[in-house]
Amino acid sequence: MRIHDETATGRLVGTMELDVPGVVTLRELIRLRVREEVARYNARPVERFHGLVRPTAAEADLNGYLMPTPTRIDWERQADAAVAAFERNGFFVLVGDRQVEELDAELTLDEASRVAFVRLVPLVGG
């Protein structure tokens, strides 16, 4: 299935293919997504990490997260950070036209499911 990253205005900023079992919780979906994006990065570390949340050593950049030196990322730590970011309203998830609000909500997904991760950007000064 294809996962979409979007802005709050609905602009598509990225996609990735992800193998998802039929029924998962939102927490499992977030962790699967992060494990895959970290595995892709670790297979070929480069100067920018494109992922759901910023790795500890990275700086936010217009085109992802700038890594001071390309280095391996711990997917479990990154997944924990992504779950925590969801709990702090750092992003939200839409499945079809419905916002999923609970990490333990069960989702039945197939190839036709539309899943969007929408990152929220804090306002300057607020």
Protein backbone atom coordinates (compact mmCIF):
# COMPACT_ATOMS: atom_id res chain seq x y z
CA MET A 1 0.00 0.00 0.00
CA ARG A 2 1.09 3.59 -0.50
CA ILE A 3 1.52 5.97 2.45
CA HIS A 4 1.30 9.71 1.73
CA ASP A 5 2.91 12.61 3.57
CA GLU A 6 0.97 15.83 3.28
CA THR A 7 0.99 19.35 4.58
CA ALA A 8 -1.92 20.68 6.62
CA THR A 9 -3.26 22.26 3.41
CA GLY A 10 -3.32 18.86 1.67
CA ARG A 11 -0.23 19.35 -0.52
CA LEU A 12 1.52 16.03 -1.18
CA VAL A 13 5.16 16.14 -0.04
CA GLY A 14 6.12 12.47 -0.24
CA THR A 15 5.01 8.89 -0.66
CA MET A 16 6.33 5.48 0.26
CA GLU A 17 5.27 1.89 -0.38
CA LEU A 18 4.69 -0.18 2.73
CA ASP A 19 3.70 -3.82 3.27
CA VAL A 20 0.98 -3.73 5.90
CA PRO A 21 -0.87 -6.75 7.25
CA GLY A 22 -4.68 -6.49 6.90
CA VAL A 23 -5.50 -5.32 10.43
CA VAL A 24 -3.09 -3.17 12.46
CA THR A 25 -3.35 -0.58 15.18
CA LEU A 26 -2.32 2.97 14.43
CA ARG A 27 0.66 2.49 16.79
CA GLU A 28 1.78 -0.54 14.74
CA LEU A 29 1.32 1.37 11.48
CA ILE A 30 3.47 4.25 12.73
CA ARG A 31 6.17 1.83 13.90
CA LEU A 32 6.08 -0.11 10.59
CA ARG A 33 6.40 3.10 8.64
CA VAL A 34 9.34 4.36 10.73
CA ARG A 35 11.11 0.97 10.63
CA GLU A 36 10.90 1.01 6.83
CA GLU A 37 12.12 4.60 6.38
CA VAL A 38 15.03 4.02 8.79
CA ALA A 39 15.94 0.73 7.05
CA ARG A 40 16.06 2.57 3.72
CA TYR A 41 18.24 5.30 5.20
CA ASN A 42 20.58 2.86 6.98
CA ALA A 43 21.05 0.86 3.77
CA ARG A 44 22.43 4.01 2.13
CA PRO A 45 23.21 6.76 4.67
CA VAL A 46 23.27 10.18 3.08
CA GLU A 47 23.39 13.76 4.31
CA ARG A 48 19.57 14.12 4.53
CA PHE A 49 17.11 11.89 6.32
CA HIS A 50 13.56 11.99 4.96
CA GLY A 51 11.31 10.68 7.67
CA LEU A 52 8.36 11.27 9.91
CA VAL A 53 10.34 12.66 12.84
CA ARG A 54 13.78 14.22 13.28
CA PRO A 55 16.61 11.93 14.42
CA THR A 56 18.36 13.13 17.59
CA ALA A 57 21.56 14.23 15.84
CA ALA A 58 19.87 15.96 12.90
CA GLU A 59 18.86 19.54 12.20
CA ALA A 60 15.54 20.44 10.58
CA ASP A 61 15.96 21.46 6.94
CA LEU A 62 13.58 22.44 4.16
CA ASN A 63 14.15 19.11 2.42
CA GLY A 64 14.18 16.70 5.37
CA TYR A 65 16.57 16.52 8.29
CA LEU A 66 20.23 17.37 7.78
CA MET A 67 22.54 14.81 9.38
CA PRO A 68 25.86 16.31 10.58
CA THR A 69 27.52 13.08 9.46
CA PRO A 70 25.69 10.22 7.79
CA THR A 71 25.28 7.65 10.55
CA ARG A 72 23.08 4.68 11.39
CA ILE A 73 19.76 5.46 13.03
CA ASP A 74 18.14 3.23 15.67
CA TRP A 75 14.68 2.46 14.26
CA GLU A 76 13.18 1.61 17.66
CA ARG A 77 14.26 4.92 19.18
CA GLN A 78 12.96 6.70 16.10
CA ALA A 79 9.64 4.81 16.29
CA ASP A 80 9.27 5.70 19.98
CA ALA A 81 9.88 9.36 19.06
CA ALA A 82 7.23 9.14 16.32
CA VAL A 83 4.63 7.70 18.70
CA ALA A 84 5.46 10.44 21.23
CA ALA A 85 5.15 13.08 18.47
CA PHE A 86 1.68 11.74 17.60
CA GLU A 87 0.66 11.98 21.26
CA ARG A 88 1.88 15.64 21.32
CA ASN A 89 -0.10 16.41 18.14
CA GLY A 90 3.05 16.74 16.04
CA PHE A 91 1.21 15.01 13.21
CA PHE A 92 -2.09 13.32 12.58
CA VAL A 93 -3.16 10.39 10.42
CA LEU A 94 -6.02 10.17 7.96
CA VAL A 95 -7.33 6.83 6.72
CA GLY A 96 -9.64 7.59 3.84
CA ASP A 97 -11.45 10.73 4.95
CA ARG A 98 -11.38 9.85 8.67
CA GLN A 99 -8.85 11.14 11.19
CA VAL A 100 -7.58 8.38 13.48
CA GLU A 101 -7.17 9.77 16.98
CA GLU A 102 -6.28 6.74 19.11
CA LEU A 103 -2.98 4.86 18.88
CA ASP A 104 -4.72 1.59 19.70
CA ALA A 105 -7.49 2.04 17.11
CA GLU A 106 -7.61 -0.99 14.80
CA LEU A 107 -7.33 -0.23 11.11
CA THR A 108 -8.31 -2.60 8.32
CA LEU A 109 -6.10 -1.68 5.39
CA ASP A 110 -5.68 -2.97 1.86
CA GLU A 111 -3.99 -1.82 -1.35
CA ALA A 112 -6.84 0.64 -2.03
CA SER A 113 -6.68 2.28 1.41
CA ARG A 114 -5.62 5.92 1.39
CA VAL A 115 -3.39 6.70 4.36
CA ALA A 116 -1.96 10.19 4.89
CA PHE A 117 0.42 11.40 7.57
CA VAL A 118 -0.04 15.14 8.04
CA ARG A 119 2.76 16.90 9.87
CA LEU A 120 1.91 20.00 11.84
CA VAL A 121 4.42 22.83 11.91
CA PRO A 122 4.55 24.99 15.03
CA LEU A 123 3.91 28.67 14.38
CA VAL A 124 6.81 31.03 14.80
CA GLY A 125 6.58 32.72 18.17
CA GLY A 126 3.83 30.41 19.37
